[in-house]
Amino acid sequence: MTSETNITLIKSLEEVLDLERAALVQGDLDRLTHMVPEKEKLIGAINDLQVMDSEALIRVQQKVERNQALLNSAADGIRSVASRMAELRRVRQEFSTYGADGQRSGFAVRSNVKLEKRA
């Protein structure tokens, strides 16, 4: 491969990484899934290059690390939301209190409670 082709591959990967960052910042996770095949193809092609130490590759590595940190934060946020939703479901199904002895007591909440209205 020529040096010009190498530069084109690296610039293309940088553009994809910049788009990935924008999608992460905007919370557009659907857009991320569409970028994966192109990103993998470009990374594979760059891995085949013989250039080991280049400022452009160092820049790409920094962008990859930046995006990985954003991906990790997004995953942590998703896990937090899932945990909170599970907790809310549990609260709706059970009422818990603590007795004088410090022991927790749970009471099942009836889900089909009907209120009868009388005139």
C-alpha atoms as a PDB file:
ATOM      1  CA  MET A   1       0.000   0.000   0.000  1.00  0.00           C
ATOM      2  CA  THR A   2       1.133   3.477  -0.704  1.00  0.00           C
ATOM      3  CA  SER A   3       1.650   6.126   1.917  1.00  0.00           C
ATOM      4  CA  GLU A   4      -1.299   8.041   0.464  1.00  0.00           C
ATOM      5  CA  THR A   5      -3.565   5.015   0.946  1.00  0.00           C
ATOM      6  CA  ASN A   6      -2.359   4.699   4.535  1.00  0.00           C
ATOM      7  CA  ILE A   7      -3.224   8.336   5.203  1.00  0.00           C
ATOM      8  CA  THR A   8      -6.655   7.889   3.606  1.00  0.00           C
ATOM      9  CA  LEU A   9      -7.388   4.864   5.805  1.00  0.00           C
ATOM     10  CA  ILE A  10      -6.318   6.690   8.947  1.00  0.00           C
ATOM     11  CA  LYS A  11      -8.335   9.805   8.068  1.00  0.00           C
ATOM     12  CA  SER A  12     -11.393   7.656   7.338  1.00  0.00           C
ATOM     13  CA  LEU A  13     -11.072   5.963  10.716  1.00  0.00           C
ATOM     14  CA  GLU A  14     -10.677   9.340  12.415  1.00  0.00           C
ATOM     15  CA  GLU A  15     -13.901  10.521  10.767  1.00  0.00           C
ATOM     16  CA  VAL A  16     -15.746   7.407  11.939  1.00  0.00           C
ATOM     17  CA  LEU A  17     -14.377   7.889  15.467  1.00  0.00           C
ATOM     18  CA  ASP A  18     -15.498  11.519  15.465  1.00  0.00           C
ATOM     19  CA  LEU A  19     -18.980  10.470  14.323  1.00  0.00           C
ATOM     20  CA  GLU A  20     -18.995   7.769  16.994  1.00  0.00           C
ATOM     21  CA  ARG A  21     -18.119  10.342  19.648  1.00  0.00           C
ATOM     22  CA  ALA A  22     -20.916  12.630  18.462  1.00  0.00           C
ATOM     23  CA  ALA A  23     -23.394   9.743  18.629  1.00  0.00           C
ATOM     24  CA  LEU A  24     -22.226   8.852  22.138  1.00  0.00           C
ATOM     25  CA  VAL A  25     -22.495  12.430  23.370  1.00  0.00           C
ATOM     26  CA  GLN A  26     -25.989  12.717  21.875  1.00  0.00           C
ATOM     27  CA  GLY A  27     -27.019   9.338  23.290  1.00  0.00           C
ATOM     28  CA  ASP A  28     -27.849   7.990  19.828  1.00  0.00           C
ATOM     29  CA  LEU A  29     -27.045   4.331  20.452  1.00  0.00           C
ATOM     30  CA  ASP A  30     -28.833   3.177  17.276  1.00  0.00           C
ATOM     31  CA  ARG A  31     -26.413   5.158  15.151  1.00  0.00           C
ATOM     32  CA  LEU A  32     -23.503   3.425  16.889  1.00  0.00           C
ATOM     33  CA  THR A  33     -24.610   0.005  15.693  1.00  0.00           C
ATOM     34  CA  HIS A  34     -24.506   1.182  12.082  1.00  0.00           C
ATOM     35  CA  MET A  35     -20.922   2.406  12.475  1.00  0.00           C
ATOM     36  CA  VAL A  36     -19.471  -0.847  13.802  1.00  0.00           C
ATOM     37  CA  PRO A  37     -18.914  -2.670  10.466  1.00  0.00           C
ATOM     38  CA  GLU A  38     -17.126   0.308   8.884  1.00  0.00           C
ATOM     39  CA  LYS A  39     -15.049   0.886  11.995  1.00  0.00           C
ATOM     40  CA  GLU A  40     -14.017  -2.793  12.162  1.00  0.00           C
ATOM     41  CA  LYS A  41     -13.102  -2.812   8.471  1.00  0.00           C
ATOM     42  CA  LEU A  42     -10.938   0.286   8.804  1.00  0.00           C
ATOM     43  CA  ILE A  43      -9.236  -0.954  11.965  1.00  0.00           C
ATOM     44  CA  GLY A  44      -8.502  -4.270  10.256  1.00  0.00           C
ATOM     45  CA  ALA A  45      -6.994  -2.511   7.253  1.00  0.00           C
ATOM     46  CA  ILE A  46      -4.889  -0.238   9.469  1.00  0.00           C
ATOM     47  CA  ASN A  47      -3.692  -3.221  11.510  1.00  0.00           C
ATOM     48  CA  ASP A  48      -2.312  -4.686   8.270  1.00  0.00           C
ATOM     49  CA  LEU A  49      -0.185  -1.585   7.671  1.00  0.00           C
ATOM     50  CA  GLN A  50       3.531  -1.770   8.311  1.00  0.00           C
ATOM     51  CA  VAL A  51       3.649   1.677   9.925  1.00  0.00           C
ATOM     52  CA  MET A  52       4.116   1.264  13.667  1.00  0.00           C
ATOM     53  CA  ASP A  53       4.923   4.750  14.921  1.00  0.00           C
ATOM     54  CA  SER A  54       3.048   7.611  13.353  1.00  0.00           C
ATOM     55  CA  GLU A  55       1.550  10.786  14.733  1.00  0.00           C
ATOM     56  CA  ALA A  56      -1.665   9.977  12.882  1.00  0.00           C
ATOM     57  CA  LEU A  57      -1.864   6.548  14.538  1.00  0.00           C
ATOM     58  CA  ILE A  58      -1.189   8.095  17.936  1.00  0.00           C
ATOM     59  CA  ARG A  59      -4.044  10.552  17.306  1.00  0.00           C
ATOM     60  CA  VAL A  60      -6.328   7.653  16.315  1.00  0.00           C
ATOM     61  CA  GLN A  61      -5.342   5.752  19.467  1.00  0.00           C
ATOM     62  CA  GLN A  62      -6.241   8.762  21.612  1.00  0.00           C
ATOM     63  CA  LYS A  63      -9.638   9.027  19.916  1.00  0.00           C
ATOM     64  CA  VAL A  64     -10.255   5.311  20.419  1.00  0.00           C
ATOM     65  CA  GLU A  65      -9.417   5.645  24.124  1.00  0.00           C
ATOM     66  CA  ARG A  66     -11.663   8.715  24.432  1.00  0.00           C
ATOM     67  CA  ASN A  67     -14.563   6.906  22.778  1.00  0.00           C
ATOM     68  CA  GLN A  68     -13.985   3.805  24.913  1.00  0.00           C
ATOM     69  CA  ALA A  69     -14.311   5.930  28.040  1.00  0.00           C
ATOM     70  CA  LEU A  70     -17.584   7.354  26.688  1.00  0.00           C
ATOM     71  CA  LEU A  71     -18.826   3.845  25.831  1.00  0.00           C
ATOM     72  CA  ASN A  72     -17.987   2.662  29.342  1.00  0.00           C
ATOM     73  CA  SER A  73     -19.881   5.610  30.823  1.00  0.00           C
ATOM     74  CA  ALA A  74     -22.887   4.907  28.597  1.00  0.00           C
ATOM     75  CA  ALA A  75     -22.863   1.247  29.646  1.00  0.00           C
ATOM     76  CA  ASP A  76     -22.659   2.259  33.320  1.00  0.00           C
ATOM     77  CA  GLY A  77     -25.628   4.579  32.799  1.00  0.00           C
ATOM     78  CA  ILE A  78     -27.669   1.850  31.134  1.00  0.00           C
ATOM     79  CA  ARG A  79     -26.883  -0.564  33.961  1.00  0.00           C
ATOM     80  CA  SER A  80     -27.869   2.094  36.499  1.00  0.00           C
ATOM     81  CA  VAL A  81     -31.198   2.710  34.772  1.00  0.00           C
ATOM     82  CA  ALA A  82     -31.906  -1.031  34.566  1.00  0.00           C
ATOM     83  CA  SER A  83     -31.133  -1.413  38.268  1.00  0.00           C
ATOM     84  CA  ARG A  84     -33.370   1.522  39.165  1.00  0.00           C
ATOM     85  CA  MET A  85     -36.229   0.171  37.052  1.00  0.00           C
ATOM     86  CA  ALA A  86     -35.913  -3.234  38.751  1.00  0.00           C
ATOM     87  CA  GLU A  87     -36.019  -1.510  42.129  1.00  0.00           C
ATOM     88  CA  LEU A  88     -39.158   0.419  41.136  1.00  0.00           C
ATOM     89  CA  ARG A  89     -40.832  -2.819  40.001  1.00  0.00           C
ATOM     90  CA  ARG A  90     -39.960  -4.413  43.326  1.00  0.00           C
ATOM     91  CA  VAL A  91     -41.359  -1.442  45.245  1.00  0.00           C
ATOM     92  CA  ARG A  92     -44.648  -1.685  43.357  1.00  0.00           C
ATOM     93  CA  GLN A  93     -44.972  -5.365  44.256  1.00  0.00           C
ATOM     94  CA  GLU A  94     -43.993  -5.193  47.914  1.00  0.00           C
ATOM     95  CA  PHE A  95     -44.272  -2.741  50.778  1.00  0.00           C
ATOM     96  CA  SER A  96     -41.364  -3.031  53.223  1.00  0.00           C
ATOM     97  CA  THR A  97     -40.942  -1.684  56.708  1.00  0.00           C
ATOM     98  CA  TYR A  98     -38.453  -2.171  59.525  1.00  0.00           C
ATOM     99  CA  GLY A  99     -39.579  -3.197  62.980  1.00  0.00           C
ATOM    100  CA  ALA A 100     -38.260  -2.054  66.349  1.00  0.00           C
ATOM    101  CA  ASP A 101     -35.843  -4.976  66.258  1.00  0.00           C
ATOM    102  CA  GLY A 102     -34.358  -3.699  62.978  1.00  0.00           C
ATOM    103  CA  GLN A 103     -35.674  -6.598  60.967  1.00  0.00           C
ATOM    104  CA  ARG A 104     -37.233  -5.939  57.589  1.00  0.00           C
ATOM    105  CA  SER A 105     -40.815  -7.026  57.023  1.00  0.00           C
ATOM    106  CA  GLY A 106     -42.307  -7.205  53.559  1.00  0.00           C
ATOM    107  CA  PHE A 107     -45.966  -7.144  52.658  1.00  0.00           C
ATOM    108  CA  ALA A 108     -47.210  -8.103  49.220  1.00  0.00           C
ATOM    109  CA  VAL A 109     -49.167  -5.399  47.463  1.00  0.00           C
ATOM    110  CA  ARG A 110     -52.322  -6.502  45.741  1.00  0.00           C
ATOM    111  CA  SER A 111     -52.138  -5.559  42.090  1.00  0.00           C
ATOM    112  CA  ASN A 112     -55.853  -5.759  41.263  1.00  0.00           C
ATOM    113  CA  VAL A 113     -57.229  -3.512  43.968  1.00  0.00           C
ATOM    114  CA  LYS A 114     -60.591  -2.036  43.022  1.00  0.00           C
ATOM    115  CA  LEU A 115     -62.134   0.919  44.755  1.00  0.00           C
ATOM    116  CA  GLU A 116     -65.866   0.767  45.066  1.00  0.00           C
ATOM    117  CA  LYS A 117     -67.572   4.102  44.843  1.00  0.00           C
ATOM    118  CA  ARG A 118     -70.843   4.462  46.759  1.00  0.00           C
ATOM    119  CA  ALA A 119     -73.283   7.275  46.488  1.00  0.00           C
END
